[in-house]
C-alpha atoms as a PDB file:
ATOM      1  CA  UNK A   1      -0.214  -0.079   0.006  1.00  0.00           C
ATOM      2  CA  UNK A   2       1.293   3.339  -0.585  1.00  0.00           C
ATOM      3  CA  UNK A   3       2.028   6.280   1.511  1.00  0.00           C
ATOM      4  CA  UNK A   4      -0.522   8.170  -0.084  1.00  0.00           C
ATOM      5  CA  UNK A   5      -3.167   5.513   0.272  1.00  0.00           C
ATOM      6  CA  UNK A   6      -2.197   4.600   3.925  1.00  0.00           C
ATOM      7  CA  UNK A   7      -2.880   8.504   4.417  1.00  0.00           C
ATOM      8  CA  UNK A   8      -6.189   8.345   3.170  1.00  0.00           C
ATOM      9  CA  UNK A   9      -7.097   5.325   5.132  1.00  0.00           C
ATOM     10  CA  UNK A  10      -5.698   6.788   8.457  1.00  0.00           C
ATOM     11  CA  UNK A  11      -8.960   8.659  10.220  1.00  0.00           C
ATOM     12  CA  UNK A  12      -5.759  10.786  11.923  1.00  0.00           C
ATOM     13  CA  UNK A  13      -4.351  12.328   9.079  1.00  0.00           C
ATOM     14  CA  UNK A  14      -7.769  13.449   7.816  1.00  0.00           C
ATOM     15  CA  UNK A  15      -7.811  17.249   7.875  1.00  0.00           C
ATOM     16  CA  UNK A  16      -5.691  20.306   8.452  1.00  0.00           C
ATOM     17  CA  UNK A  17      -2.155  19.371  10.193  1.00  0.00           C
ATOM     18  CA  UNK A  18      -1.682  20.406  13.924  1.00  0.00           C
ATOM     19  CA  UNK A  19       1.332  22.763  13.126  1.00  0.00           C
ATOM     20  CA  UNK A  20      -1.098  24.732  10.673  1.00  0.00           C
ATOM     21  CA  UNK A  21      -4.168  24.695  13.493  1.00  0.00           C
ATOM     22  CA  UNK A  22      -2.170  25.678  16.290  1.00  0.00           C
ATOM     23  CA  UNK A  23      -0.573  28.818  14.199  1.00  0.00           C
ATOM     24  CA  UNK A  24      -4.462  29.751  13.665  1.00  0.00           C
ATOM     25  CA  UNK A  25      -5.197  29.437  17.399  1.00  0.00           C
ATOM     26  CA  UNK A  26      -2.212  31.788  17.851  1.00  0.00           C
ATOM     27  CA  UNK A  27      -3.945  34.094  15.640  1.00  0.00           C
ATOM     28  CA  UNK A  28      -7.262  33.774  18.007  1.00  0.00           C
ATOM     29  CA  UNK A  29      -4.694  34.062  20.863  1.00  0.00           C
ATOM     30  CA  UNK A  30      -4.248  37.702  19.800  1.00  0.00           C
ATOM     31  CA  UNK A  31      -7.545  38.350  19.121  1.00  0.00           C
ATOM     32  CA  UNK A  32      -8.616  37.154  22.535  1.00  0.00           C
ATOM     33  CA  UNK A  33      -5.898  39.301  24.319  1.00  0.00           C
ATOM     34  CA  UNK A  34      -6.644  42.325  22.277  1.00  0.00           C
ATOM     35  CA  UNK A  35     -10.313  42.121  23.615  1.00  0.00           C
ATOM     36  CA  UNK A  36      -9.161  41.682  27.156  1.00  0.00           C
ATOM     37  CA  UNK A  37      -6.547  43.971  27.416  1.00  0.00           C
ATOM     38  CA  UNK A  38      -8.185  46.783  25.409  1.00  0.00           C
ATOM     39  CA  UNK A  39     -11.622  46.447  26.587  1.00  0.00           C
ATOM     40  CA  UNK A  40     -11.450  44.822  29.930  1.00  0.00           C
ATOM     41  CA  UNK A  41      -9.441  47.133  32.005  1.00  0.00           C
ATOM     42  CA  UNK A  42      -5.636  45.554  31.098  1.00  0.00           C
ATOM     43  CA  UNK A  43      -6.320  41.973  31.931  1.00  0.00           C
ATOM     44  CA  UNK A  44      -5.010  39.198  29.636  1.00  0.00           C
ATOM     45  CA  UNK A  45      -7.229  36.122  29.465  1.00  0.00           C
ATOM     46  CA  UNK A  46      -4.554  34.157  27.012  1.00  0.00           C
ATOM     47  CA  UNK A  47      -1.336  35.096  28.216  1.00  0.00           C
ATOM     48  CA  UNK A  48      -1.006  34.243  32.029  1.00  0.00           C
ATOM     49  CA  UNK A  49       2.587  35.434  32.173  1.00  0.00           C
ATOM     50  CA  UNK A  50       1.633  38.803  31.683  1.00  0.00           C
ATOM     51  CA  UNK A  51      -1.363  38.776  33.675  1.00  0.00           C
ATOM     52  CA  UNK A  52       0.603  37.725  36.742  1.00  0.00           C
ATOM     53  CA  UNK A  53       2.980  40.764  36.260  1.00  0.00           C
ATOM     54  CA  UNK A  54      -0.525  42.844  35.506  1.00  0.00           C
ATOM     55  CA  UNK A  55      -1.787  41.574  38.967  1.00  0.00           C
ATOM     56  CA  UNK A  56       1.748  42.879  40.699  1.00  0.00           C
ATOM     57  CA  UNK A  57       1.315  46.268  38.949  1.00  0.00           C
ATOM     58  CA  UNK A  58      -2.711  46.074  40.410  1.00  0.00           C
ATOM     59  CA  UNK A  59      -1.534  45.235  43.737  1.00  0.00           C
ATOM     60  CA  UNK A  60       0.790  48.303  44.187  1.00  0.00           C
ATOM     61  CA  UNK A  61      -1.721  50.378  43.342  1.00  0.00           C
ATOM     62  CA  UNK A  62      -0.715  51.040  39.793  1.00  0.00           C
ATOM     63  CA  UNK A  63      -3.706  53.089  38.149  1.00  0.00           C
ATOM     64  CA  UNK A  64      -5.859  51.218  35.228  1.00  0.00           C
ATOM     65  CA  UNK A  65      -5.326  47.770  36.446  1.00  0.00           C
ATOM     66  CA  UNK A  66      -7.608  45.742  38.633  1.00  0.00           C
ATOM     67  CA  UNK A  67      -6.864  42.903  41.061  1.00  0.00           C
ATOM     68  CA  UNK A  68     -10.493  41.548  40.964  1.00  0.00           C
ATOM     69  CA  UNK A  69     -10.389  41.498  37.141  1.00  0.00           C
ATOM     70  CA  UNK A  70      -6.959  39.859  37.150  1.00  0.00           C
ATOM     71  CA  UNK A  71      -8.039  37.414  39.652  1.00  0.00           C
ATOM     72  CA  UNK A  72     -10.621  36.435  38.147  1.00  0.00           C
ATOM     73  CA  UNK A  73      -8.711  35.761  34.951  1.00  0.00           C
ATOM     74  CA  UNK A  74      -6.251  33.594  36.653  1.00  0.00           C
ATOM     75  CA  UNK A  75      -8.832  31.609  38.485  1.00  0.00           C
ATOM     76  CA  UNK A  76     -10.711  30.741  35.581  1.00  0.00           C
ATOM     77  CA  UNK A  77      -7.884  29.990  33.600  1.00  0.00           C
ATOM     78  CA  UNK A  78      -6.990  27.509  36.305  1.00  0.00           C
ATOM     79  CA  UNK A  79     -10.288  26.301  36.206  1.00  0.00           C
ATOM     80  CA  UNK A  80     -10.211  25.480  32.233  1.00  0.00           C
ATOM     81  CA  UNK A  81      -6.639  23.935  32.789  1.00  0.00           C
ATOM     82  CA  UNK A  82      -8.010  21.559  35.159  1.00  0.00           C
ATOM     83  CA  UNK A  83     -10.678  20.755  32.915  1.00  0.00           C
ATOM     84  CA  UNK A  84      -8.220  20.440  29.934  1.00  0.00           C
ATOM     85  CA  UNK A  85      -6.365  17.884  32.045  1.00  0.00           C
ATOM     86  CA  UNK A  86      -9.613  15.921  32.362  1.00  0.00           C
ATOM     87  CA  UNK A  87     -10.301  15.929  28.621  1.00  0.00           C
ATOM     88  CA  UNK A  88      -7.319  14.959  28.049  1.00  0.00           C
ATOM     89  CA  UNK A  89      -7.040  11.837  30.794  1.00  0.00           C
ATOM     90  CA  UNK A  90     -10.041  10.793  28.600  1.00  0.00           C
ATOM     91  CA  UNK A  91      -8.941  10.991  25.308  1.00  0.00           C
ATOM     92  CA  UNK A  92      -5.299  11.540  25.340  1.00  0.00           C
ATOM     93  CA  UNK A  93      -4.771   7.754  25.012  1.00  0.00           C
ATOM     94  CA  UNK A  94      -6.846   7.566  21.774  1.00  0.00           C
ATOM     95  CA  UNK A  95      -7.401   9.699  18.836  1.00  0.00           C
ATOM     96  CA  UNK A  96      -5.677  12.718  18.830  1.00  0.00           C
ATOM     97  CA  UNK A  97      -7.975  14.190  16.223  1.00  0.00           C
ATOM     98  CA  UNK A  98     -11.105  13.568  18.326  1.00  0.00           C
ATOM     99  CA  UNK A  99      -9.360  15.151  21.296  1.00  0.00           C
ATOM    100  CA  UNK A 100      -8.499  18.125  19.619  1.00  0.00           C
ATOM    101  CA  UNK A 101     -11.801  18.540  17.748  1.00  0.00           C
ATOM    102  CA  UNK A 102     -13.561  18.041  21.231  1.00  0.00           C
ATOM    103  CA  UNK A 103     -11.317  20.850  23.155  1.00  0.00           C
ATOM    104  CA  UNK A 104     -11.323  23.307  20.149  1.00  0.00           C
ATOM    105  CA  UNK A 105     -15.350  22.787  20.088  1.00  0.00           C
ATOM    106  CA  UNK A 106     -15.464  23.706  23.489  1.00  0.00           C
ATOM    107  CA  UNK A 107     -13.453  26.468  23.081  1.00  0.00           C
ATOM    108  CA  UNK A 108     -15.810  27.853  20.551  1.00  0.00           C
ATOM    109  CA  UNK A 109     -18.920  27.563  22.340  1.00  0.00           C
ATOM    110  CA  UNK A 110     -17.413  29.367  25.443  1.00  0.00           C
ATOM    111  CA  UNK A 111     -15.689  32.307  23.144  1.00  0.00           C
ATOM    112  CA  UNK A 112     -19.268  32.178  21.348  1.00  0.00           C
ATOM    113  CA  UNK A 113     -21.046  32.733  24.679  1.00  0.00           C
ATOM    114  CA  UNK A 114     -18.993  35.734  25.294  1.00  0.00           C
ATOM    115  CA  UNK A 115     -19.486  36.949  22.051  1.00  0.00           C
ATOM    116  CA  UNK A 116     -23.286  37.093  22.377  1.00  0.00           C
ATOM    117  CA  UNK A 117     -22.934  38.532  25.981  1.00  0.00           C
ATOM    118  CA  UNK A 118     -20.961  41.339  24.307  1.00  0.00           C
ATOM    119  CA  UNK A 119     -23.587  42.363  21.820  1.00  0.00           C
ATOM    120  CA  UNK A 120     -26.436  41.951  24.009  1.00  0.00           C
ATOM    121  CA  UNK A 121     -25.306  43.917  27.237  1.00  0.00           C
ATOM    122  CA  UNK A 122     -22.051  45.928  26.337  1.00  0.00           C
ATOM    123  CA  UNK A 123     -20.234  48.211  28.680  1.00  0.00           C
ATOM    124  CA  UNK A 124     -21.921  46.793  32.096  1.00  0.00           C
ATOM    125  CA  UNK A 125     -19.671  45.672  34.872  1.00  0.00           C
ATOM    126  CA  UNK A 126     -21.206  42.021  34.548  1.00  0.00           C
ATOM    127  CA  UNK A 127     -20.144  41.883  30.979  1.00  0.00           C
ATOM    128  CA  UNK A 128     -16.575  42.630  31.834  1.00  0.00           C
ATOM    129  CA  UNK A 129     -16.590  39.929  34.428  1.00  0.00           C
ATOM    130  CA  UNK A 130     -18.696  37.805  32.177  1.00  0.00           C
ATOM    131  CA  UNK A 131     -16.031  38.087  29.364  1.00  0.00           C
ATOM    132  CA  UNK A 132     -13.007  37.692  31.623  1.00  0.00           C
ATOM    133  CA  UNK A 133     -14.523  34.664  33.191  1.00  0.00           C
ATOM    134  CA  UNK A 134     -15.461  32.886  29.594  1.00  0.00           C
ATOM    135  CA  UNK A 135     -12.497  33.590  27.373  1.00  0.00           C
ATOM    136  CA  UNK A 136     -10.050  32.731  30.304  1.00  0.00           C
ATOM    137  CA  UNK A 137     -11.878  29.336  31.033  1.00  0.00           C
ATOM    138  CA  UNK A 138     -11.933  28.587  27.230  1.00  0.00           C
ATOM    139  CA  UNK A 139      -7.741  29.406  27.163  1.00  0.00           C
ATOM    140  CA  UNK A 140      -7.155  27.375  29.980  1.00  0.00           C
ATOM    141  CA  UNK A 141      -9.130  24.376  28.483  1.00  0.00           C
ATOM    142  CA  UNK A 142      -6.917  24.996  25.006  1.00  0.00           C
ATOM    143  CA  UNK A 143      -3.466  25.658  27.048  1.00  0.00           C
ATOM    144  CA  UNK A 144      -3.930  22.049  28.563  1.00  0.00           C
ATOM    145  CA  UNK A 145      -4.744  20.360  25.489  1.00  0.00           C
ATOM    146  CA  UNK A 146      -1.867  22.098  23.699  1.00  0.00           C
ATOM    147  CA  UNK A 147       0.794  21.369  26.278  1.00  0.00           C
ATOM    148  CA  UNK A 148       0.070  17.751  26.261  1.00  0.00           C
ATOM    149  CA  UNK A 149      -0.147  17.443  22.687  1.00  0.00           C
ATOM    150  CA  UNK A 150       3.156  18.350  22.633  1.00  0.00           C
ATOM    151  CA  UNK A 151       3.875  20.278  19.252  1.00  0.00           C
ATOM    152  CA  UNK A 152       7.246  22.087  19.566  1.00  0.00           C
ATOM    153  CA  UNK A 153       7.519  25.770  19.650  1.00  0.00           C
ATOM    154  CA  UNK A 154       3.638  26.362  19.494  1.00  0.00           C
ATOM    155  CA  UNK A 155       2.404  26.773  22.523  1.00  0.00           C
ATOM    156  CA  UNK A 156      -0.533  29.640  20.812  1.00  0.00           C
ATOM    157  CA  UNK A 157      -0.756  31.893  23.426  1.00  0.00           C
ATOM    158  CA  UNK A 158       3.075  32.839  24.925  1.00  0.00           C
ATOM    159  CA  UNK A 159       6.025  33.563  22.862  1.00  0.00           C
ATOM    160  CA  UNK A 160       8.963  33.836  25.326  1.00  0.00           C
ATOM    161  CA  UNK A 161      10.045  30.757  24.838  1.00  0.00           C
ATOM    162  CA  UNK A 162       9.615  31.047  21.220  1.00  0.00           C
ATOM    163  CA  UNK A 163      11.525  33.795  20.395  1.00  0.00           C
ATOM    164  CA  UNK A 164      14.561  32.717  22.642  1.00  0.00           C
ATOM    165  CA  UNK A 165      14.893  29.627  20.466  1.00  0.00           C
ATOM    166  CA  UNK A 166      14.436  31.562  17.340  1.00  0.00           C
ATOM    167  CA  UNK A 167      17.715  33.660  18.312  1.00  0.00           C
ATOM    168  CA  UNK A 168      19.752  31.184  20.054  1.00  0.00           C
ATOM    169  CA  UNK A 169      19.008  28.356  17.729  1.00  0.00           C
ATOM    170  CA  UNK A 170      19.645  30.705  14.844  1.00  0.00           C
ATOM    171  CA  UNK A 171      22.989  30.530  12.908  1.00  0.00           C
ATOM    172  CA  UNK A 172      23.889  33.533  15.145  1.00  0.00           C
ATOM    173  CA  UNK A 173      23.624  31.684  17.899  1.00  0.00           C
ATOM    174  CA  UNK A 174      25.449  28.897  16.596  1.00  0.00           C
ATOM    175  CA  UNK A 175      22.663  26.772  15.788  1.00  0.00           C
ATOM    176  CA  UNK A 176      21.056  25.505  12.575  1.00  0.00           C
ATOM    177  CA  UNK A 177      17.984  27.468  12.751  1.00  0.00           C
ATOM    178  CA  UNK A 178      15.989  24.682  11.491  1.00  0.00           C
ATOM    179  CA  UNK A 179      13.201  25.688  13.323  1.00  0.00           C
ATOM    180  CA  UNK A 180      13.514  29.251  12.643  1.00  0.00           C
ATOM    181  CA  UNK A 181      10.148  29.030   9.747  1.00  0.00           C
ATOM    182  CA  UNK A 182       7.843  27.577  12.355  1.00  0.00           C
ATOM    183  CA  UNK A 183       8.795  30.079  15.258  1.00  0.00           C
ATOM    184  CA  UNK A 184       8.856  33.220  12.747  1.00  0.00           C
ATOM    185  CA  UNK A 185       5.241  31.956  11.556  1.00  0.00           C
ATOM    186  CA  UNK A 186       3.999  32.016  15.589  1.00  0.00           C
ATOM    187  CA  UNK A 187       5.476  35.436  16.097  1.00  0.00           C
ATOM    188  CA  UNK A 188       3.852  36.767  13.134  1.00  0.00           C
ATOM    189  CA  UNK A 189       0.381  35.003  13.989  1.00  0.00           C
ATOM    190  CA  UNK A 190       0.270  36.482  17.437  1.00  0.00           C
ATOM    191  CA  UNK A 191       0.971  39.536  15.857  1.00  0.00           C
ATOM    192  CA  UNK A 192      -1.526  39.436  13.335  1.00  0.00           C
ATOM    193  CA  UNK A 193      -4.246  38.632  15.359  1.00  0.00           C
ATOM    194  CA  UNK A 194      -3.232  41.520  17.887  1.00  0.00           C
ATOM    195  CA  UNK A 195      -3.276  43.771  15.178  1.00  0.00           C
ATOM    196  CA  UNK A 196      -6.208  42.526  13.873  1.00  0.00           C
ATOM    197  CA  UNK A 197      -8.514  42.538  17.161  1.00  0.00           C
ATOM    198  CA  UNK A 198      -6.937  45.943  18.482  1.00  0.00           C
ATOM    199  CA  UNK A 199      -8.364  47.361  15.114  1.00  0.00           C
ATOM    200  CA  UNK A 200     -11.803  45.599  15.848  1.00  0.00           C
ATOM    201  CA  UNK A 201     -11.913  46.707  19.380  1.00  0.00           C
ATOM    202  CA  UNK A 202     -11.114  50.355  18.767  1.00  0.00           C
ATOM    203  CA  UNK A 203     -13.593  50.728  15.555  1.00  0.00           C
ATOM    204  CA  UNK A 204     -16.288  48.349  16.408  1.00  0.00           C
ATOM    205  CA  UNK A 205     -16.068  46.899  20.126  1.00  0.00           C
ATOM    206  CA  UNK A 206     -15.856  43.948  21.814  1.00  0.00           C
ATOM    207  CA  UNK A 207     -18.408  41.687  20.224  1.00  0.00           C
ATOM    208  CA  UNK A 208     -17.243  41.206  16.662  1.00  0.00           C
ATOM    209  CA  UNK A 209     -13.633  40.030  17.277  1.00  0.00           C
ATOM    210  CA  UNK A 210     -14.967  37.609  19.773  1.00  0.00           C
ATOM    211  CA  UNK A 211     -17.267  36.385  17.246  1.00  0.00           C
ATOM    212  CA  UNK A 212     -14.577  36.063  14.697  1.00  0.00           C
ATOM    213  CA  UNK A 213     -12.297  34.329  17.221  1.00  0.00           C
ATOM    214  CA  UNK A 214     -15.304  31.779  18.069  1.00  0.00           C
ATOM    215  CA  UNK A 215     -15.513  31.362  14.271  1.00  0.00           C
ATOM    216  CA  UNK A 216     -12.215  30.370  13.647  1.00  0.00           C
ATOM    217  CA  UNK A 217     -12.366  28.153  16.681  1.00  0.00           C
ATOM    218  CA  UNK A 218     -15.297  26.375  15.194  1.00  0.00           C
ATOM    219  CA  UNK A 219     -13.775  25.681  11.933  1.00  0.00           C
ATOM    220  CA  UNK A 220     -10.772  24.544  13.080  1.00  0.00           C
ATOM    221  CA  UNK A 221     -12.834  22.239  15.350  1.00  0.00           C
ATOM    222  CA  UNK A 222     -14.375  20.964  12.006  1.00  0.00           C
ATOM    223  CA  UNK A 223     -10.826  20.833   9.838  1.00  0.00           C
ATOM    224  CA  UNK A 224      -8.219  19.502  12.530  1.00  0.00           C
ATOM    225  CA  UNK A 225      -6.663  16.318  11.906  1.00  0.00           C
ATOM    226  CA  UNK A 226      -4.156  14.627  14.355  1.00  0.00           C
ATOM    227  CA  UNK A 227      -1.367  14.962  12.870  1.00  0.00           C
ATOM    228  CA  UNK A 228       1.456  17.219  13.078  1.00  0.00           C
END
C-alpha cells in the first residue's frame, strides 16, 4: 500500500495538520488578548505570564489595573486548564483528532457565548466579568490540551521561549535554525491576531473580535487532523 493510500485510510491524517491549526489558534489568542487588555481593564485572558505581572502592578496600586479582574482571569484560566487535563485523561490515549476537536469545539462555544454577551450588554460591569471568565476558561482549556499534544514551539498563547529559540538556535547563536520558519510563523500569527483584534476593538467594540475568534475556533474544530 502506498504512502498516499495509507494517509487516505488513516482517520488521524484527515484534515488540517496540527501545525497549521496551532498557528491559526495563535491568531485567535492575539484577538482575545486584544479584547481583554484593551476592552476589559488591562487584563489578559490568554497570556497568563502577562497576567501575573499585571496582578503585581494592580497590587502595587498602579492606575488602570484591577485586582478583581486579574484574579478572575487567573482563577478561571486555572479551572479551564484543570478541565483540559480531565479531557486529556479521557481522550489523550486514543485519537488525537477526536481529542483536539472536542477541545476546540468547547473553546468555540465558550468564546461564542462571550461574543453574545458582549453584543447583548456592552459596557456593563457584569459583562466585563463574564467576558473575562468565559475567555480565560476557554484559554485554560486550550492551553492544557496544547501542552499535552506537545507540538514543539507552538504554545499558541506565549512567545518568550519561541523568541528565545528563534535567536539562540539561529546561525547567529551557533545553531542550525531548522525550526526558524515555524517559530517566525508563530510570532507573525500572534502579531496579526493582536493587530486585527486591536483594530476591531477600537472601531467596532468587543463583540465582533470575539465572534471572529469563536468562528475561527469552530472552523478549526471541524477541520483539524491528529497529525503534526
